[in-house]
Amino acid sequence: MTRMKSVASVTPTLQPAQPAGWVTQKLKAERVQEELAALMAVRLTRRQVADRLPLLPGWRLAGEGRELEQVRDFGTHAVASLYGSFVSGFADSVGISAAVEVVGPQALVRLYATRSRGRVGALSEGILGFAKLVG
């Protein structure tokens, strides 16, 4: 008769410590959309937009102050296309007018001011917030 001896070892899993006072908040798509919708109503003057542009690296004012645009370089055309699809879908889901052009490994993103009664309005806090979100 043969005896088997089994050995089990238990290794505790260490969780990384969270910094003191770190508050975690789960992001929900509905909350992000609601916050952006509220910010869309806050219209900005061209000067206010120009003052906030340093907080949005890579973005510049275009179209007589009624557009934001950014050119991003990616490693390949496929990655640039994926980024363009992401921005386009996200903008559509929150009601922001956007155009994305992908040429080779570059993606040109334009965010437009909202229209009201057929006229192009001013850029809003929501559009600047969206620009910050998508990079």
N, C-alpha and C. Protein backbone atom coordinates (compact mmCIF):
# COMPACT_ATOMS: atom_id res chain seq x y z
N MET A 1 0.83 -1.16 0.00
CA MET A 1 0.00 0.00 0.00
C MET A 1 0.89 1.24 0.00
N THR A 2 0.58 2.15 -0.92
CA THR A 2 1.37 3.37 -1.05
C THR A 2 0.62 4.53 -0.45
N ARG A 3 1.34 5.31 0.30
CA ARG A 3 0.74 6.51 0.90
C ARG A 3 1.14 7.73 0.11
N MET A 4 0.14 8.57 -0.20
CA MET A 4 0.42 9.83 -0.89
C MET A 4 0.35 10.96 0.11
N LYS A 5 1.27 11.82 -0.05
CA LYS A 5 1.30 12.97 0.83
C LYS A 5 1.04 14.21 -0.03
N SER A 6 0.03 14.97 0.33
CA SER A 6 -0.25 16.18 -0.44
C SER A 6 0.14 17.39 0.39
N VAL A 7 0.68 18.33 -0.30
CA VAL A 7 1.11 19.56 0.34
C VAL A 7 0.40 20.72 -0.37
N ALA A 8 -0.18 21.58 0.39
CA ALA A 8 -0.84 22.76 -0.18
C ALA A 8 -0.21 24.00 0.43
N SER A 9 0.00 24.96 -0.38
CA SER A 9 0.52 26.21 0.15
C SER A 9 -0.46 27.33 -0.22
N VAL A 10 -0.62 28.24 0.67
CA VAL A 10 -1.52 29.36 0.46
C VAL A 10 -0.67 30.63 0.45
N THR A 11 -0.81 31.39 -0.63
CA THR A 11 -0.09 32.65 -0.73
C THR A 11 -1.11 33.77 -0.70
N PRO A 12 -1.01 34.66 0.27
CA PRO A 12 -1.97 35.76 0.33
C PRO A 12 -1.77 36.72 -0.84
N THR A 13 -2.85 37.20 -1.37
CA THR A 13 -2.79 38.19 -2.44
C THR A 13 -2.79 39.57 -1.79
N LEU A 14 -1.76 40.31 -2.08
CA LEU A 14 -1.64 41.65 -1.51
C LEU A 14 -2.32 42.66 -2.41
N GLN A 15 -3.16 43.47 -1.85
CA GLN A 15 -3.82 44.54 -2.58
C GLN A 15 -2.97 45.80 -2.46
N PRO A 16 -2.78 46.54 -3.54
CA PRO A 16 -2.04 47.79 -3.42
C PRO A 16 -2.80 48.77 -2.54
N ALA A 17 -2.07 49.44 -1.71
CA ALA A 17 -2.70 50.41 -0.81
C ALA A 17 -3.16 51.62 -1.60
N GLN A 18 -4.35 52.11 -1.27
CA GLN A 18 -4.85 53.32 -1.92
C GLN A 18 -4.34 54.53 -1.16
N PRO A 19 -4.00 55.58 -1.88
CA PRO A 19 -3.55 56.79 -1.20
C PRO A 19 -4.62 57.31 -0.25
N ALA A 20 -4.19 57.93 0.81
CA ALA A 20 -5.12 58.47 1.80
C ALA A 20 -6.01 59.52 1.16
N GLY A 21 -7.27 59.44 1.46
CA GLY A 21 -8.21 60.42 0.94
C GLY A 21 -8.62 60.21 -0.51
N TRP A 22 -8.20 59.10 -1.08
CA TRP A 22 -8.52 58.84 -2.48
C TRP A 22 -9.99 58.46 -2.58
N VAL A 23 -10.71 59.22 -3.34
CA VAL A 23 -12.13 58.95 -3.50
C VAL A 23 -12.32 58.34 -4.88
N THR A 24 -12.93 57.19 -4.90
CA THR A 24 -13.20 56.56 -6.18
C THR A 24 -14.67 56.72 -6.50
N GLN A 25 -14.94 56.99 -7.75
CA GLN A 25 -16.31 57.18 -8.19
C GLN A 25 -16.47 56.45 -9.50
N LYS A 26 -17.46 55.59 -9.58
CA LYS A 26 -17.69 54.87 -10.81
C LYS A 26 -18.33 55.81 -11.82
N LEU A 27 -17.77 55.80 -13.04
CA LEU A 27 -18.33 56.63 -14.09
C LEU A 27 -19.44 55.85 -14.77
N LYS A 28 -20.54 56.50 -14.97
CA LYS A 28 -21.65 55.90 -15.68
C LYS A 28 -21.89 56.74 -16.93
N ALA A 29 -22.16 56.08 -18.02
CA ALA A 29 -22.38 56.78 -19.28
C ALA A 29 -23.49 57.81 -19.16
N GLU A 30 -24.55 57.46 -18.43
CA GLU A 30 -25.67 58.39 -18.29
C GLU A 30 -25.25 59.67 -17.58
N ARG A 31 -24.42 59.53 -16.54
CA ARG A 31 -23.98 60.70 -15.79
C ARG A 31 -23.09 61.59 -16.65
N VAL A 32 -22.18 60.99 -17.42
CA VAL A 32 -21.31 61.77 -18.29
C VAL A 32 -22.15 62.52 -19.31
N GLN A 33 -23.15 61.84 -19.89
CA GLN A 33 -24.00 62.48 -20.88
C GLN A 33 -24.81 63.62 -20.27
N GLU A 34 -25.33 63.42 -19.07
CA GLU A 34 -26.10 64.47 -18.41
C GLU A 34 -25.24 65.69 -18.12
N GLU A 35 -24.02 65.46 -17.64
CA GLU A 35 -23.13 66.57 -17.33
C GLU A 35 -22.74 67.34 -18.59
N LEU A 36 -22.45 66.60 -19.68
CA LEU A 36 -22.11 67.27 -20.93
C LEU A 36 -23.30 68.04 -21.49
N ALA A 37 -24.50 67.48 -21.35
CA ALA A 37 -25.70 68.18 -21.84
C ALA A 37 -25.90 69.50 -21.09
N ALA A 38 -25.67 69.48 -19.78
CA ALA A 38 -25.81 70.71 -19.00
C ALA A 38 -24.75 71.74 -19.41
N LEU A 39 -23.54 71.27 -19.70
CA LEU A 39 -22.47 72.18 -20.09
C LEU A 39 -22.66 72.72 -21.51
N MET A 40 -23.42 72.00 -22.34
CA MET A 40 -23.65 72.47 -23.71
C MET A 40 -24.42 73.78 -23.70
N ALA A 41 -25.19 74.03 -22.66
CA ALA A 41 -25.99 75.25 -22.59
C ALA A 41 -25.15 76.47 -22.23
N VAL A 42 -23.95 76.28 -21.69
CA VAL A 42 -23.11 77.39 -21.27
C VAL A 42 -22.26 77.85 -22.45
N ARG A 43 -22.71 78.89 -23.12
CA ARG A 43 -22.00 79.43 -24.28
C ARG A 43 -20.83 80.30 -23.84
N LEU A 44 -19.76 80.26 -24.63
CA LEU A 44 -18.55 81.02 -24.30
C LEU A 44 -18.25 82.03 -25.40
N THR A 45 -17.64 83.13 -25.01
CA THR A 45 -17.17 84.10 -26.00
C THR A 45 -15.87 83.57 -26.59
N ARG A 46 -15.47 84.16 -27.70
CA ARG A 46 -14.22 83.73 -28.34
C ARG A 46 -13.04 83.93 -27.38
N ARG A 47 -13.06 85.01 -26.63
CA ARG A 47 -11.97 85.28 -25.67
C ARG A 47 -11.94 84.22 -24.57
N GLN A 48 -13.10 83.82 -24.07
CA GLN A 48 -13.15 82.78 -23.04
C GLN A 48 -12.60 81.46 -23.57
N VAL A 49 -12.92 81.14 -24.82
CA VAL A 49 -12.40 79.92 -25.43
C VAL A 49 -10.89 80.02 -25.56
N ALA A 50 -10.40 81.17 -26.03
CA ALA A 50 -8.95 81.37 -26.19
C ALA A 50 -8.22 81.26 -24.85
N ASP A 51 -8.85 81.74 -23.78
CA ASP A 51 -8.24 81.65 -22.45
C ASP A 51 -8.15 80.21 -21.97
N ARG A 52 -9.07 79.36 -22.39
CA ARG A 52 -9.09 77.96 -21.94
C ARG A 52 -8.27 77.03 -22.84
N LEU A 53 -7.89 77.48 -24.02
CA LEU A 53 -7.14 76.62 -24.95
C LEU A 53 -5.84 76.06 -24.39
N PRO A 54 -5.09 76.80 -23.56
CA PRO A 54 -3.87 76.20 -23.00
C PRO A 54 -4.15 74.94 -22.17
N LEU A 55 -5.38 74.77 -21.71
CA LEU A 55 -5.74 73.58 -20.95
C LEU A 55 -6.06 72.40 -21.85
N LEU A 56 -6.08 72.64 -23.17
CA LEU A 56 -6.39 71.60 -24.14
C LEU A 56 -5.22 71.45 -25.11
N PRO A 57 -4.17 70.76 -24.70
CA PRO A 57 -2.99 70.64 -25.56
C PRO A 57 -3.34 69.99 -26.90
N GLY A 58 -2.83 70.60 -27.97
CA GLY A 58 -3.04 70.06 -29.31
C GLY A 58 -4.26 70.62 -30.02
N TRP A 59 -5.17 71.24 -29.31
CA TRP A 59 -6.38 71.80 -29.91
C TRP A 59 -6.12 73.25 -30.27
N ARG A 60 -6.75 73.69 -31.37
CA ARG A 60 -6.64 75.10 -31.75
C ARG A 60 -8.00 75.59 -32.23
N LEU A 61 -8.17 76.90 -32.13
CA LEU A 61 -9.40 77.54 -32.56
C LEU A 61 -9.37 77.69 -34.08
N ALA A 62 -10.48 77.39 -34.74
CA ALA A 62 -10.55 77.49 -36.20
C ALA A 62 -11.94 77.98 -36.58
N GLY A 63 -12.15 78.18 -37.88
CA GLY A 63 -13.46 78.54 -38.39
C GLY A 63 -14.05 79.78 -37.75
N GLU A 64 -13.28 80.86 -37.73
CA GLU A 64 -13.73 82.13 -37.16
C GLU A 64 -14.16 81.99 -35.70
N GLY A 65 -13.50 81.12 -34.98
CA GLY A 65 -13.78 80.95 -33.55
C GLY A 65 -14.98 80.08 -33.24
N ARG A 66 -15.49 79.36 -34.24
CA ARG A 66 -16.67 78.52 -34.03
C ARG A 66 -16.36 77.03 -34.16
N GLU A 67 -15.07 76.71 -34.23
CA GLU A 67 -14.64 75.32 -34.32
C GLU A 67 -13.38 75.11 -33.49
N LEU A 68 -13.23 73.89 -33.02
CA LEU A 68 -11.97 73.46 -32.43
C LEU A 68 -11.43 72.37 -33.34
N GLU A 69 -10.12 72.36 -33.55
CA GLU A 69 -9.56 71.29 -34.37
C GLU A 69 -8.25 70.81 -33.79
N GLN A 70 -7.98 69.53 -34.10
CA GLN A 70 -6.76 68.90 -33.60
C GLN A 70 -6.32 67.85 -34.62
N VAL A 71 -5.02 67.77 -34.85
CA VAL A 71 -4.45 66.73 -35.69
C VAL A 71 -3.64 65.83 -34.77
N ARG A 72 -3.94 64.53 -34.82
CA ARG A 72 -3.19 63.57 -34.00
C ARG A 72 -2.51 62.57 -34.90
N ASP A 73 -1.26 62.27 -34.56
CA ASP A 73 -0.49 61.28 -35.30
C ASP A 73 -0.53 59.96 -34.55
N PHE A 74 -0.78 58.89 -35.30
CA PHE A 74 -0.79 57.54 -34.73
C PHE A 74 0.22 56.70 -35.52
N GLY A 75 0.53 55.55 -35.02
CA GLY A 75 1.52 54.70 -35.69
C GLY A 75 1.07 54.16 -37.03
N THR A 76 -0.20 53.85 -37.14
CA THR A 76 -0.71 53.26 -38.37
C THR A 76 -2.06 53.86 -38.73
N HIS A 77 -2.45 53.63 -39.97
CA HIS A 77 -3.76 54.07 -40.44
C HIS A 77 -4.88 53.38 -39.66
N ALA A 78 -4.67 52.12 -39.33
CA ALA A 78 -5.70 51.36 -38.60
C ALA A 78 -5.98 51.97 -37.22
N VAL A 79 -4.94 52.36 -36.52
CA VAL A 79 -5.11 52.96 -35.19
C VAL A 79 -5.79 54.33 -35.32
N ALA A 80 -5.38 55.11 -36.31
CA ALA A 80 -6.01 56.41 -36.53
C ALA A 80 -7.50 56.24 -36.85
N SER A 81 -7.84 55.22 -37.63
CA SER A 81 -9.24 54.95 -37.96
C SER A 81 -10.04 54.55 -36.73
N LEU A 82 -9.45 53.74 -35.87
CA LEU A 82 -10.14 53.35 -34.64
C LEU A 82 -10.39 54.56 -33.75
N TYR A 83 -9.41 55.44 -33.64
CA TYR A 83 -9.58 56.66 -32.86
C TYR A 83 -10.68 57.52 -33.47
N GLY A 84 -10.67 57.66 -34.79
CA GLY A 84 -11.69 58.44 -35.47
C GLY A 84 -13.08 57.89 -35.24
N SER A 85 -13.23 56.57 -35.27
CA SER A 85 -14.52 55.94 -35.00
C SER A 85 -14.98 56.19 -33.58
N PHE A 86 -14.04 56.10 -32.64
CA PHE A 86 -14.36 56.36 -31.24
C PHE A 86 -14.87 57.79 -31.05
N VAL A 87 -14.13 58.77 -31.58
CA VAL A 87 -14.51 60.17 -31.41
C VAL A 87 -15.85 60.45 -32.07
N SER A 88 -16.02 59.94 -33.27
CA SER A 88 -17.26 60.17 -34.01
C SER A 88 -18.47 59.58 -33.28
N GLY A 89 -18.35 58.35 -32.81
CA GLY A 89 -19.44 57.71 -32.09
C GLY A 89 -19.75 58.38 -30.77
N PHE A 90 -18.70 58.74 -30.04
CA PHE A 90 -18.87 59.40 -28.75
C PHE A 90 -19.55 60.75 -28.93
N ALA A 91 -19.08 61.53 -29.92
CA ALA A 91 -19.67 62.85 -30.18
C ALA A 91 -21.15 62.71 -30.55
N ASP A 92 -21.46 61.74 -31.37
CA ASP A 92 -22.85 61.53 -31.79
C ASP A 92 -23.72 61.17 -30.59
N SER A 93 -23.18 60.37 -29.68
CA SER A 93 -23.98 59.93 -28.54
C SER A 93 -24.28 61.05 -27.55
N VAL A 94 -23.47 62.10 -27.53
CA VAL A 94 -23.71 63.22 -26.61
C VAL A 94 -24.20 64.47 -27.34
N GLY A 95 -24.46 64.36 -28.63
CA GLY A 95 -25.04 65.47 -29.37
C GLY A 95 -24.09 66.57 -29.76
N ILE A 96 -22.84 66.23 -30.01
CA ILE A 96 -21.85 67.22 -30.43
C ILE A 96 -21.56 67.01 -31.91
N SER A 97 -21.54 68.11 -32.67
CA SER A 97 -21.22 68.03 -34.09
C SER A 97 -19.72 67.88 -34.25
N ALA A 98 -19.31 66.80 -34.89
CA ALA A 98 -17.88 66.53 -35.07
C ALA A 98 -17.65 65.97 -36.46
N ALA A 99 -16.46 66.24 -36.99
CA ALA A 99 -16.03 65.65 -38.25
C ALA A 99 -14.64 65.08 -38.04
N VAL A 100 -14.41 63.90 -38.57
CA VAL A 100 -13.11 63.25 -38.43
C VAL A 100 -12.63 62.85 -39.81
N GLU A 101 -11.41 63.26 -40.14
CA GLU A 101 -10.77 62.86 -41.40
C GLU A 101 -9.53 62.06 -41.05
N VAL A 102 -9.40 60.89 -41.63
CA VAL A 102 -8.22 60.06 -41.39
C VAL A 102 -7.45 59.95 -42.70
N VAL A 103 -6.19 60.40 -42.66
CA VAL A 103 -5.31 60.31 -43.81
C VAL A 103 -4.02 59.65 -43.34
N GLY A 104 -3.80 58.45 -43.81
CA GLY A 104 -2.62 57.71 -43.36
C GLY A 104 -2.68 57.52 -41.86
N PRO A 105 -1.59 57.79 -41.17
CA PRO A 105 -1.58 57.60 -39.71
C PRO A 105 -2.06 58.83 -38.93
N GLN A 106 -2.67 59.81 -39.61
CA GLN A 106 -3.13 61.03 -38.95
C GLN A 106 -4.65 61.10 -38.92
N ALA A 107 -5.16 61.63 -37.81
CA ALA A 107 -6.60 61.88 -37.68
C ALA A 107 -6.80 63.36 -37.39
N LEU A 108 -7.61 64.01 -38.22
CA LEU A 108 -7.97 65.41 -38.01
C LEU A 108 -9.38 65.42 -37.43
N VAL A 109 -9.53 65.99 -36.24
CA VAL A 109 -10.83 66.05 -35.57
C VAL A 109 -11.26 67.51 -35.51
N ARG A 110 -12.50 67.77 -35.93
CA ARG A 110 -13.08 69.11 -35.82
C ARG A 110 -14.35 69.01 -35.00
N LEU A 111 -14.46 69.89 -34.02
CA LEU A 111 -15.67 69.99 -33.20
C LEU A 111 -16.32 71.33 -33.51
N TYR A 112 -17.61 71.29 -33.81
CA TYR A 112 -18.32 72.49 -34.26
C TYR A 112 -19.25 73.02 -33.18
N ALA A 113 -19.42 74.34 -33.20
CA ALA A 113 -20.40 74.98 -32.32
C ALA A 113 -21.79 74.51 -32.73
N THR A 114 -22.70 74.51 -31.80
CA THR A 114 -24.06 74.05 -32.09
C THR A 114 -24.82 75.08 -32.91
N ARG A 115 -25.80 74.61 -33.63
CA ARG A 115 -26.64 75.48 -34.45
C ARG A 115 -27.94 75.75 -33.72
N SER A 116 -28.42 76.97 -33.88
CA SER A 116 -29.69 77.34 -33.30
C SER A 116 -30.45 78.16 -34.33
N ARG A 117 -31.63 77.70 -34.71
CA ARG A 117 -32.45 78.38 -35.73
C ARG A 117 -31.68 78.61 -37.02
N GLY A 118 -30.90 77.62 -37.43
CA GLY A 118 -30.16 77.71 -38.68
C GLY A 118 -28.87 78.50 -38.63
N ARG A 119 -28.57 79.11 -37.50
CA ARG A 119 -27.34 79.90 -37.36
C ARG A 119 -26.35 79.16 -36.48
N VAL A 120 -25.08 79.30 -36.81
CA VAL A 120 -24.03 78.68 -36.00
C VAL A 120 -23.85 79.52 -34.75
N GLY A 121 -23.92 78.87 -33.60
CA GLY A 121 -23.78 79.57 -32.34
C GLY A 121 -22.33 79.65 -31.90
N ALA A 122 -22.15 79.81 -30.60
CA ALA A 122 -20.81 79.91 -30.03
C ALA A 122 -20.40 78.54 -29.47
N LEU A 123 -19.10 78.37 -29.30
CA LEU A 123 -18.62 77.16 -28.64
C LEU A 123 -19.09 77.19 -27.19
N SER A 124 -19.21 76.01 -26.61
CA SER A 124 -19.72 75.93 -25.25
C SER A 124 -18.75 75.19 -24.34
N GLU A 125 -19.04 75.25 -23.05
CA GLU A 125 -18.25 74.50 -22.06
C GLU A 125 -18.29 73.01 -22.38
N GLY A 126 -19.43 72.54 -22.86
CA GLY A 126 -19.57 71.12 -23.17
C GLY A 126 -18.64 70.67 -24.28
N ILE A 127 -18.48 71.51 -25.30
CA ILE A 127 -17.58 71.16 -26.40
C ILE A 127 -16.13 71.15 -25.92
N LEU A 128 -15.76 72.12 -25.08
CA LEU A 128 -14.40 72.12 -24.53
C LEU A 128 -14.18 70.93 -23.63
N GLY A 129 -15.19 70.57 -22.84
CA GLY A 129 -15.09 69.39 -21.98
C GLY A 129 -14.95 68.12 -22.79
N PHE A 130 -15.68 68.04 -23.89
CA PHE A 130 -15.58 66.87 -24.77
C PHE A 130 -14.17 66.79 -25.37
N ALA A 131 -13.64 67.94 -25.80
CA ALA A 131 -12.29 67.97 -26.37
C ALA A 131 -11.27 67.47 -25.36
N LYS A 132 -11.45 67.85 -24.11
CA LYS A 132 -10.54 67.39 -23.05
C LYS A 132 -10.67 65.88 -22.84
N LEU A 133 -11.89 65.37 -22.90
CA LEU A 133 -12.11 63.93 -22.71
C LEU A 133 -11.45 63.08 -23.79
N VAL A 134 -11.56 63.51 -25.04
CA VAL A 134 -11.03 62.70 -26.13
C VAL A 134 -9.55 62.94 -26.37
N GLY A 135 -8.98 63.92 -25.67
CA GLY A 135 -7.54 64.13 -25.75
C GLY A 135 -7.20 65.13 -26.75
